[in-house]
Amino acid sequence: MLAKNLWCSKEEIYQALHVKGVGVQVHYKPIYQFSYYKERFGELYLPNTEDFYRAELSIPCHQGMSIEEAQYVIQTLLEVCESIKGCHR
């Protein structure tokens, strides 16, 4: 079960992280929303999938990151979350 009371403004967080140089992205649009799947399976609504998509952000994470880069990403994410009204960790 998702803790919806912990959700906050995904768009605000996204923009604030980009301003601070953190290349955050949004992944992945629910596959059944694409026309290919709509044509084959009709209109679907999967609430858990929609909830995840509304709340999810992808932060940088790869084998080439240094410890310092990883620490910057997490510290910046925590600072941004602390600064946005209604966002609690």
Protein backbone atom coordinates (compact mmCIF):
# COMPACT_ATOMS: atom_id res chain seq x y z
CA MET A 1 0.00 0.00 0.00
CA LEU A 2 1.30 3.46 -0.89
CA ALA A 3 1.56 6.15 1.77
CA LYS A 4 -0.25 8.88 -0.17
CA ASN A 5 0.02 11.24 2.79
CA LEU A 6 3.77 11.43 2.08
CA TRP A 7 3.32 12.55 -1.53
CA CYS A 8 4.09 16.10 -2.49
CA SER A 9 4.58 18.15 -5.61
CA LYS A 10 6.50 16.00 -8.05
CA GLU A 11 6.80 18.89 -10.51
CA GLU A 12 8.23 21.27 -7.89
CA ILE A 13 10.80 18.70 -6.80
CA TYR A 14 11.69 17.95 -10.41
CA GLN A 15 12.26 21.62 -11.25
CA ALA A 16 14.19 22.38 -8.04
CA LEU A 17 16.53 19.44 -8.59
CA HIS A 18 17.20 20.49 -12.19
CA VAL A 19 18.03 24.03 -11.02
CA LYS A 20 20.59 22.51 -8.64
CA GLY A 21 22.15 20.42 -11.40
CA VAL A 22 20.63 17.05 -10.53
CA GLY A 23 19.46 15.31 -13.71
CA VAL A 24 16.26 13.82 -12.38
CA GLN A 25 13.83 12.23 -14.85
CA VAL A 26 10.35 10.78 -14.92
CA HIS A 27 10.02 7.07 -15.73
CA TYR A 28 7.90 5.28 -16.83
CA LYS A 29 4.55 6.16 -18.30
CA PRO A 30 2.15 3.27 -17.75
CA ILE A 31 2.43 1.12 -20.85
CA TYR A 32 -1.31 0.69 -21.26
CA GLN A 33 -1.62 4.45 -21.88
CA PHE A 34 0.16 4.11 -25.23
CA SER A 35 -2.04 3.91 -28.33
CA TYR A 36 -0.59 0.53 -29.36
CA TYR A 37 -1.97 -1.10 -26.20
CA LYS A 38 -5.19 0.90 -26.18
CA GLU A 39 -5.93 -0.40 -29.68
CA ARG A 40 -5.35 -3.99 -28.60
CA PHE A 41 -6.80 -4.04 -25.09
CA GLY A 42 -9.11 -1.02 -24.90
CA GLU A 43 -9.15 1.59 -22.19
CA LEU A 44 -7.71 0.37 -18.92
CA TYR A 45 -7.28 1.99 -15.53
CA LEU A 46 -4.90 0.39 -13.05
CA PRO A 47 -4.96 2.52 -9.88
CA ASN A 48 -1.68 1.32 -8.38
CA THR A 49 0.13 1.96 -11.63
CA GLU A 50 -1.35 5.45 -11.85
CA ASP A 51 -0.42 6.20 -8.23
CA PHE A 52 3.16 5.10 -8.83
CA TYR A 53 3.46 7.21 -11.98
CA ARG A 54 2.12 10.30 -10.16
CA ALA A 55 4.68 9.90 -7.37
CA GLU A 56 7.79 8.52 -9.07
CA LEU A 57 10.99 10.38 -9.98
CA SER A 58 14.21 8.75 -11.16
CA ILE A 59 17.35 10.17 -9.57
CA PRO A 60 20.82 9.68 -11.04
CA CYS A 61 22.20 6.27 -10.14
CA HIS A 62 24.82 4.46 -12.20
CA GLN A 63 28.09 2.59 -11.86
CA GLY A 64 30.12 5.61 -12.99
CA MET A 65 28.98 7.86 -10.14
CA SER A 66 31.51 8.77 -7.51
CA ILE A 67 30.63 8.66 -3.83
CA GLU A 68 30.75 12.47 -3.83
CA GLU A 69 28.27 12.68 -6.70
CA ALA A 70 25.92 10.23 -4.99
CA GLN A 71 26.17 12.19 -1.74
CA TYR A 72 25.40 15.43 -3.61
CA VAL A 73 22.30 13.88 -5.19
CA ILE A 74 20.87 12.60 -1.92
CA GLN A 75 21.75 15.73 0.07
CA THR A 76 20.20 17.93 -2.61
CA LEU A 77 17.08 15.75 -2.75
CA LEU A 78 16.67 15.95 1.02
CA GLU A 79 17.18 19.73 1.02
CA VAL A 80 14.64 20.20 -1.78
CA CYS A 81 12.08 18.02 0.01
CA GLU A 82 12.61 19.93 3.24
CA SER A 83 12.09 23.25 1.45
CA ILE A 84 8.83 22.37 -0.31
CA LYS A 85 5.71 22.98 1.72
CA GLY A 86 3.73 19.84 2.31
CA CYS A 87 6.59 17.50 1.46
CA HIS A 88 7.64 15.22 4.30
CA ARG A 89 10.18 12.45 4.40
